[in-house]
Protein backbone atom coordinates (compact mmCIF):
# COMPACT_ATOMS: atom_id res chain seq x y z
CA UNK A 1 3.50 -9.61 7.03
CA UNK A 2 3.10 -6.41 5.02
CA UNK A 3 2.40 -3.35 7.22
CA UNK A 4 1.12 0.00 5.98
CA UNK A 5 2.61 3.05 7.73
CA UNK A 6 0.24 5.97 8.22
CA UNK A 7 1.69 9.43 7.53
CA UNK A 8 1.90 10.26 11.24
CA UNK A 9 4.18 7.26 11.81
CA UNK A 10 6.51 8.32 8.99
CA UNK A 11 6.56 11.92 10.25
CA UNK A 12 7.41 10.81 13.80
CA UNK A 13 10.05 8.38 12.52
CA UNK A 14 11.80 10.93 10.30
CA UNK A 15 11.38 14.14 12.30
CA UNK A 16 11.91 12.53 15.74
CA UNK A 17 9.80 14.80 17.97
CA UNK A 18 10.81 14.12 21.59
CA UNK A 19 7.42 12.74 22.65
CA UNK A 20 6.68 10.28 19.83
CA UNK A 21 9.78 10.06 17.64
CA UNK A 22 11.68 7.43 19.62
CA UNK A 23 8.55 5.29 20.03
CA UNK A 24 7.78 5.43 16.30
CA UNK A 25 11.35 4.63 15.32
CA UNK A 26 11.49 1.71 17.75
CA UNK A 27 8.20 0.31 16.46
CA UNK A 28 9.35 0.54 12.85
CA UNK A 29 12.71 -1.03 13.72
CA UNK A 30 10.95 -3.86 15.56
CA UNK A 31 8.70 -4.54 12.58
CA UNK A 32 11.72 -4.73 10.29
CA UNK A 33 13.70 -6.88 12.75
CA UNK A 34 10.76 -9.29 12.92
CA UNK A 35 10.91 -9.66 9.14
CA UNK A 36 7.87 -7.59 8.21
CA UNK A 37 7.73 -5.51 5.03
CA UNK A 38 6.67 -1.85 5.11
CA UNK A 39 4.45 0.01 2.67
CA UNK A 40 3.39 3.61 2.27
CA UNK A 41 1.55 5.34 -0.55
CA UNK A 42 2.34 8.35 -2.69
CA UNK A 43 -0.31 10.16 -0.61
CA UNK A 44 1.65 9.46 2.59
CA UNK A 45 4.68 10.89 0.81
CA UNK A 46 2.66 13.99 -0.16
CA UNK A 47 1.50 14.53 3.43
CA UNK A 48 5.04 14.25 4.75
CA UNK A 49 6.54 16.71 2.27
CA UNK A 50 4.18 19.60 3.07
CA UNK A 51 6.15 20.78 6.12
CA UNK A 52 9.61 20.88 4.52
CA UNK A 53 8.17 22.63 1.44
CA UNK A 54 6.32 25.13 3.65
CA UNK A 55 9.39 25.99 5.71
CA UNK A 56 11.94 25.61 2.92
CA UNK A 57 13.81 23.05 5.01
CA UNK A 58 16.07 21.35 2.48
CA UNK A 59 17.65 19.13 5.12
CA UNK A 60 14.30 17.71 6.20
CA UNK A 61 13.28 17.28 2.57
CA UNK A 62 16.46 15.28 2.01
CA UNK A 63 15.68 13.11 5.05
CA UNK A 64 12.23 12.33 3.63
CA UNK A 65 13.71 11.62 0.21
CA UNK A 66 16.09 9.19 1.90
CA UNK A 67 13.27 7.47 3.76
CA UNK A 68 11.00 7.09 0.72
CA UNK A 69 13.90 6.09 -1.49
CA UNK A 70 15.25 3.43 0.86
CA UNK A 71 14.89 -0.29 0.29
CA UNK A 72 13.19 -0.58 3.68
CA UNK A 73 9.86 0.78 2.50
CA UNK A 74 7.83 0.29 -0.68
CA UNK A 75 5.80 3.20 -2.08
CA UNK A 76 2.49 2.32 -3.75
CA UNK A 77 0.78 4.35 -6.43
CA UNK A 78 -2.90 5.20 -6.17
CA UNK A 79 -4.93 3.25 -8.73
CA UNK A 80 -8.54 3.12 -9.90
CA UNK A 81 -9.38 0.06 -7.77
CA UNK A 82 -7.87 1.81 -4.74
CA UNK A 83 -10.06 4.87 -5.37
CA UNK A 84 -13.17 2.72 -5.71
CA UNK A 85 -12.42 0.85 -2.47
CA UNK A 86 -11.72 4.19 -0.76
CA UNK A 87 -15.12 5.48 -1.83
CA UNK A 88 -16.77 2.37 -0.36
CA UNK A 89 -14.80 2.69 2.87
CA UNK A 90 -15.57 6.39 3.11
CA UNK A 91 -19.28 5.74 2.66
CA UNK A 92 -19.32 2.87 5.16
CA UNK A 93 -17.08 4.36 7.88
CA UNK A 94 -17.49 8.11 7.28
CA UNK A 95 -13.71 8.41 6.86
CA UNK A 96 -11.94 11.52 5.67
CA UNK A 97 -10.82 11.18 2.04
CA UNK A 98 -7.11 10.74 2.78
CA UNK A 99 -7.76 8.20 5.53
CA UNK A 100 -10.03 6.23 3.20
CA UNK A 101 -7.34 6.27 0.51
CA UNK A 102 -4.69 5.13 2.98
CA UNK A 103 -6.83 2.21 4.19
CA UNK A 104 -7.84 1.31 0.64
CA UNK A 105 -4.22 1.32 -0.53
CA UNK A 106 -3.21 -0.90 2.37
CA UNK A 107 -6.01 -3.39 1.70
CA UNK A 108 -5.62 -3.45 -2.08
CA UNK A 109 -1.84 -3.91 -1.76
CA UNK A 110 -2.29 -6.87 0.58
CA UNK A 111 -1.27 -5.38 3.91
CA UNK A 112 -2.23 -7.36 6.99
CA UNK A 113 -1.88 -4.37 9.32
CA UNK A 114 -2.11 -0.57 9.36
CA UNK A 115 0.19 1.22 11.85
CA UNK A 116 -0.99 4.63 13.03
CA UNK A 117 -1.00 7.00 15.97
CA UNK A 118 -4.49 8.30 15.15
CA UNK A 119 -6.86 6.95 17.80
CA UNK A 120 -9.83 8.41 15.92
CA UNK A 121 -9.55 5.86 13.12
CA UNK A 122 -12.19 3.13 13.17
CA UNK A 123 -11.65 -0.57 12.76
CA UNK A 124 -11.94 -1.39 9.07
CA UNK A 125 -12.75 -4.83 7.75
CA UNK A 126 -9.91 -6.57 5.96
CA UNK A 127 -7.01 -5.09 7.92
CA UNK A 128 -5.71 -5.06 11.48
CA UNK A 129 -5.31 -1.62 13.09
CA UNK A 130 -2.09 -1.26 15.10
CA UNK A 131 -1.61 1.73 17.37
CA UNK A 132 1.86 3.14 18.00
CA UNK A 133 3.42 1.44 20.99
CA UNK A 134 1.18 -1.63 20.88
CA UNK A 135 3.04 -4.87 21.17
CA UNK A 136 2.39 -8.06 19.33
CA UNK A 137 2.88 -7.44 15.67
């Protein structure tokens, strides 16, 4: 199964905040151990890099570069069909632009599930919404 990682999952996994970091890392490790493939988009990458660029934290930037450059996660580009699907999803579900693009990327790239920690996200047709800490991949 191909699973899309929302930006908040990547941030928790890389930065390891005490409250959510270990849970995110464990969930990602469990997905990989169960043989699932992971996908993010260039927009997820952009969201993750804002903090290290803002603070000038070269170490954190290197950690993100390592994550996005690893063989454990694929990084999808944003295409015309993704943008069109995002517009439809945004109109139908009243999603924020980035959320619509994340969902659209996941669906267009063939993901079966979307892992997030954002409880505000709606159910979207064509993909299963997984919340951080939920069992049963």
